[in-house]
Amino acid sequence: MYEVIKAFADGEHGYAYPAGKGGHTYAVGSKYPVKGFEPPEEHIRYLLGKDNAHGQPLIKAIKLPKTGSKQAAEPAEEPLSPPG
């Protein structure tokens, strides 16, 4: 699971648009991806890295608390790395 750290719109063909410019808009602090959408690893790396239309990471990896736990989500141990 990932958390959005810069608002963007995830458009068709794997392009991350500025928020409000097309596709599904993700607000800062929201979870990525939306339920029912499974982006390819390549797209996750694109969003984690700086080689996108924004020139900066748009999401960060997070750990979800165990079921029934009230513990807040913590940064994950980087399941994927940004390119380069």
N, C-alpha and C. Protein backbone atom coordinates (compact mmCIF):
# COMPACT_ATOMS: atom_id res chain seq x y z
N MET A 1 0.86 -1.17 0.00
CA MET A 1 0.00 0.00 0.00
C MET A 1 0.90 1.23 0.00
N TYR A 2 0.38 2.30 -0.57
CA TYR A 2 1.14 3.54 -0.69
C TYR A 2 0.28 4.71 -0.23
N GLU A 3 0.96 5.78 0.19
CA GLU A 3 0.28 7.01 0.59
C GLU A 3 0.71 8.11 -0.37
N VAL A 4 -0.25 8.93 -0.77
CA VAL A 4 0.02 10.04 -1.68
C VAL A 4 0.71 11.17 -0.91
N ILE A 5 1.85 11.64 -1.43
CA ILE A 5 2.58 12.73 -0.79
C ILE A 5 2.54 14.01 -1.63
N LYS A 6 2.05 13.92 -2.87
CA LYS A 6 1.81 15.09 -3.72
C LYS A 6 0.59 14.77 -4.56
N ALA A 7 -0.39 15.68 -4.53
CA ALA A 7 -1.64 15.45 -5.26
C ALA A 7 -1.36 15.26 -6.75
N PHE A 8 -2.06 14.30 -7.35
CA PHE A 8 -1.93 14.05 -8.78
C PHE A 8 -3.17 13.32 -9.27
N ALA A 9 -3.32 13.28 -10.57
CA ALA A 9 -4.40 12.51 -11.19
C ALA A 9 -3.75 11.40 -11.99
N ASP A 10 -4.12 10.16 -11.70
CA ASP A 10 -3.58 9.00 -12.38
C ASP A 10 -4.40 8.77 -13.63
N GLY A 11 -3.84 9.11 -14.78
CA GLY A 11 -4.57 9.03 -16.04
C GLY A 11 -4.35 7.73 -16.77
N GLU A 12 -4.95 7.65 -17.91
CA GLU A 12 -4.80 6.48 -18.77
C GLU A 12 -3.37 6.38 -19.26
N HIS A 13 -2.95 5.19 -19.59
CA HIS A 13 -1.62 4.92 -20.13
C HIS A 13 -0.50 5.23 -19.14
N GLY A 14 -0.81 5.25 -17.83
CA GLY A 14 0.23 5.41 -16.83
C GLY A 14 0.81 6.79 -16.69
N TYR A 15 0.12 7.83 -17.14
CA TYR A 15 0.64 9.19 -17.01
C TYR A 15 0.03 9.86 -15.79
N ALA A 16 0.85 10.47 -14.95
CA ALA A 16 0.36 11.15 -13.76
C ALA A 16 0.19 12.63 -14.07
N TYR A 17 -1.05 13.06 -14.16
CA TYR A 17 -1.37 14.45 -14.45
C TYR A 17 -1.39 15.28 -13.18
N PRO A 18 -1.26 16.63 -13.30
CA PRO A 18 -1.50 17.47 -12.12
C PRO A 18 -2.94 17.23 -11.64
N ALA A 19 -3.17 17.34 -10.35
CA ALA A 19 -4.51 17.10 -9.78
C ALA A 19 -5.55 17.93 -10.51
N GLY A 20 -6.67 17.29 -10.83
CA GLY A 20 -7.78 17.97 -11.48
C GLY A 20 -7.68 18.04 -12.99
N LYS A 21 -6.64 17.47 -13.58
CA LYS A 21 -6.44 17.57 -15.02
C LYS A 21 -6.77 16.29 -15.78
N GLY A 22 -7.35 15.31 -15.14
CA GLY A 22 -7.73 14.08 -15.84
C GLY A 22 -7.47 12.86 -14.99
N GLY A 23 -8.13 11.76 -15.31
CA GLY A 23 -7.94 10.53 -14.56
C GLY A 23 -8.52 10.62 -13.16
N HIS A 24 -8.13 9.67 -12.30
CA HIS A 24 -8.58 9.65 -10.90
C HIS A 24 -7.67 10.56 -10.08
N THR A 25 -8.24 11.54 -9.39
CA THR A 25 -7.43 12.46 -8.60
C THR A 25 -7.18 11.89 -7.21
N TYR A 26 -5.91 11.93 -6.81
CA TYR A 26 -5.49 11.48 -5.49
C TYR A 26 -5.05 12.69 -4.69
N ALA A 27 -5.63 12.87 -3.51
CA ALA A 27 -5.28 13.97 -2.62
C ALA A 27 -4.13 13.54 -1.72
N VAL A 28 -3.36 14.51 -1.24
CA VAL A 28 -2.28 14.23 -0.30
C VAL A 28 -2.87 13.51 0.92
N GLY A 29 -2.23 12.43 1.33
CA GLY A 29 -2.67 11.64 2.47
C GLY A 29 -3.59 10.49 2.11
N SER A 30 -4.09 10.45 0.87
CA SER A 30 -4.96 9.34 0.48
C SER A 30 -4.12 8.11 0.17
N LYS A 31 -4.76 6.97 0.12
CA LYS A 31 -4.09 5.70 -0.16
C LYS A 31 -4.05 5.47 -1.67
N TYR A 32 -2.99 4.85 -2.12
CA TYR A 32 -2.83 4.50 -3.53
C TYR A 32 -2.51 3.02 -3.62
N PRO A 33 -3.12 2.30 -4.52
CA PRO A 33 -4.14 2.70 -5.49
C PRO A 33 -5.54 2.58 -4.91
N VAL A 34 -6.51 3.08 -5.65
CA VAL A 34 -7.90 2.94 -5.21
C VAL A 34 -8.28 1.47 -5.27
N LYS A 35 -9.26 1.09 -4.47
CA LYS A 35 -9.73 -0.30 -4.42
C LYS A 35 -10.17 -0.74 -5.82
N GLY A 36 -9.72 -1.90 -6.21
CA GLY A 36 -10.10 -2.46 -7.50
C GLY A 36 -9.13 -2.14 -8.63
N PHE A 37 -8.14 -1.31 -8.38
CA PHE A 37 -7.14 -0.96 -9.40
C PHE A 37 -5.80 -1.53 -8.99
N GLU A 38 -5.18 -2.31 -9.87
CA GLU A 38 -3.88 -2.89 -9.59
C GLU A 38 -2.88 -2.42 -10.64
N PRO A 39 -2.17 -1.33 -10.34
CA PRO A 39 -1.21 -0.81 -11.31
C PRO A 39 -0.01 -1.73 -11.46
N PRO A 40 0.60 -1.75 -12.64
CA PRO A 40 1.80 -2.56 -12.83
C PRO A 40 2.96 -1.99 -12.02
N GLU A 41 3.93 -2.84 -11.67
CA GLU A 41 5.10 -2.42 -10.89
C GLU A 41 5.80 -1.22 -11.53
N GLU A 42 5.89 -1.23 -12.84
CA GLU A 42 6.55 -0.13 -13.55
C GLU A 42 5.89 1.22 -13.23
N HIS A 43 4.58 1.23 -13.13
CA HIS A 43 3.86 2.47 -12.83
C HIS A 43 4.09 2.89 -11.37
N ILE A 44 4.15 1.92 -10.47
CA ILE A 44 4.44 2.22 -9.06
C ILE A 44 5.82 2.88 -8.97
N ARG A 45 6.80 2.32 -9.66
CA ARG A 45 8.15 2.90 -9.65
C ARG A 45 8.14 4.32 -10.22
N TYR A 46 7.36 4.52 -11.27
CA TYR A 46 7.21 5.85 -11.88
C TYR A 46 6.70 6.85 -10.85
N LEU A 47 5.71 6.45 -10.07
CA LEU A 47 5.13 7.35 -9.07
C LEU A 47 6.06 7.53 -7.86
N LEU A 48 6.87 6.53 -7.53
CA LEU A 48 7.82 6.61 -6.43
C LEU A 48 9.04 7.47 -6.77
N GLY A 49 9.33 7.59 -8.05
CA GLY A 49 10.55 8.28 -8.48
C GLY A 49 10.32 9.72 -8.90
N LYS A 50 11.35 10.27 -9.54
CA LYS A 50 11.32 11.66 -9.98
C LYS A 50 11.13 11.78 -11.49
N ASP A 51 11.11 10.65 -12.19
CA ASP A 51 11.00 10.66 -13.64
C ASP A 51 9.53 10.62 -14.05
N ASN A 52 8.78 11.64 -13.60
CA ASN A 52 7.37 11.77 -13.95
C ASN A 52 7.09 13.24 -14.26
N ALA A 53 5.88 13.57 -14.62
CA ALA A 53 5.54 14.94 -15.02
C ALA A 53 5.77 15.96 -13.92
N HIS A 54 5.78 15.54 -12.67
CA HIS A 54 5.98 16.44 -11.53
C HIS A 54 7.45 16.63 -11.17
N GLY A 55 8.29 15.68 -11.57
CA GLY A 55 9.71 15.75 -11.26
C GLY A 55 10.04 15.45 -9.81
N GLN A 56 9.11 14.79 -9.11
CA GLN A 56 9.32 14.43 -7.71
C GLN A 56 8.44 13.23 -7.36
N PRO A 57 8.79 12.49 -6.30
CA PRO A 57 7.94 11.36 -5.89
C PRO A 57 6.52 11.82 -5.56
N LEU A 58 5.55 11.01 -5.95
CA LEU A 58 4.15 11.32 -5.71
C LEU A 58 3.54 10.45 -4.63
N ILE A 59 4.16 9.29 -4.37
CA ILE A 59 3.67 8.35 -3.36
C ILE A 59 4.84 7.84 -2.53
N LYS A 60 4.53 7.29 -1.35
CA LYS A 60 5.53 6.62 -0.52
C LYS A 60 4.92 5.33 -0.01
N ALA A 61 5.76 4.34 0.18
CA ALA A 61 5.31 3.04 0.68
C ALA A 61 4.97 3.15 2.16
N ILE A 62 3.90 2.49 2.56
CA ILE A 62 3.50 2.46 3.97
C ILE A 62 3.12 1.05 4.36
N LYS A 63 3.22 0.77 5.65
CA LYS A 63 2.74 -0.49 6.21
C LYS A 63 1.37 -0.23 6.79
N LEU A 64 0.47 -1.13 6.57
CA LEU A 64 -0.84 -1.01 7.18
C LEU A 64 -0.82 -1.71 8.53
N PRO A 65 -1.55 -1.16 9.50
CA PRO A 65 -1.60 -1.83 10.81
C PRO A 65 -2.27 -3.18 10.68
N LYS A 66 -1.94 -4.08 11.59
CA LYS A 66 -2.57 -5.40 11.59
C LYS A 66 -4.05 -5.23 11.86
N THR A 67 -4.85 -6.13 11.34
CA THR A 67 -6.29 -6.09 11.54
C THR A 67 -6.62 -6.00 13.02
N GLY A 68 -7.47 -5.05 13.38
CA GLY A 68 -7.87 -4.88 14.76
C GLY A 68 -6.95 -3.99 15.56
N SER A 69 -5.82 -3.60 14.97
CA SER A 69 -4.86 -2.74 15.66
C SER A 69 -5.24 -1.28 15.48
N LYS A 70 -5.00 -0.47 16.50
CA LYS A 70 -5.28 0.95 16.41
C LYS A 70 -4.00 1.73 16.09
N GLN A 71 -2.93 1.01 15.82
CA GLN A 71 -1.65 1.61 15.52
C GLN A 71 -1.71 2.31 14.16
N ALA A 72 -1.10 3.48 14.06
CA ALA A 72 -1.08 4.22 12.80
C ALA A 72 -0.16 3.53 11.80
N ALA A 73 -0.40 3.82 10.52
CA ALA A 73 0.45 3.26 9.47
C ALA A 73 1.85 3.82 9.60
N GLU A 74 2.84 2.97 9.32
CA GLU A 74 4.23 3.37 9.41
C GLU A 74 4.87 3.21 8.03
N PRO A 75 5.98 3.92 7.78
CA PRO A 75 6.66 3.73 6.51
C PRO A 75 7.07 2.27 6.33
N ALA A 76 6.93 1.78 5.13
CA ALA A 76 7.29 0.39 4.84
C ALA A 76 8.79 0.27 4.58
N GLU A 77 9.22 -0.96 4.46
CA GLU A 77 10.63 -1.22 4.17
C GLU A 77 10.84 -1.25 2.67
N GLU A 78 10.31 -0.29 1.97
CA GLU A 78 10.47 -0.09 0.54
C GLU A 78 10.30 -1.37 -0.29
N PRO A 79 9.05 -1.78 -0.54
CA PRO A 79 8.83 -2.97 -1.36
C PRO A 79 9.30 -2.78 -2.79
N LEU A 80 9.26 -1.54 -3.28
CA LEU A 80 9.75 -1.22 -4.62
C LEU A 80 10.63 0.01 -4.50
N SER A 81 11.60 0.13 -5.38
CA SER A 81 12.48 1.28 -5.38
C SER A 81 12.20 2.13 -6.61
N PRO A 82 12.35 3.45 -6.49
CA PRO A 82 12.17 4.30 -7.67
C PRO A 82 13.27 4.00 -8.68
N PRO A 83 13.02 4.30 -9.95
CA PRO A 83 14.02 4.03 -10.97
C PRO A 83 15.24 4.92 -10.79
N GLY A 84 16.39 4.43 -11.27
CA GLY A 84 17.62 5.22 -11.30
C GLY A 84 18.23 5.38 -10.02
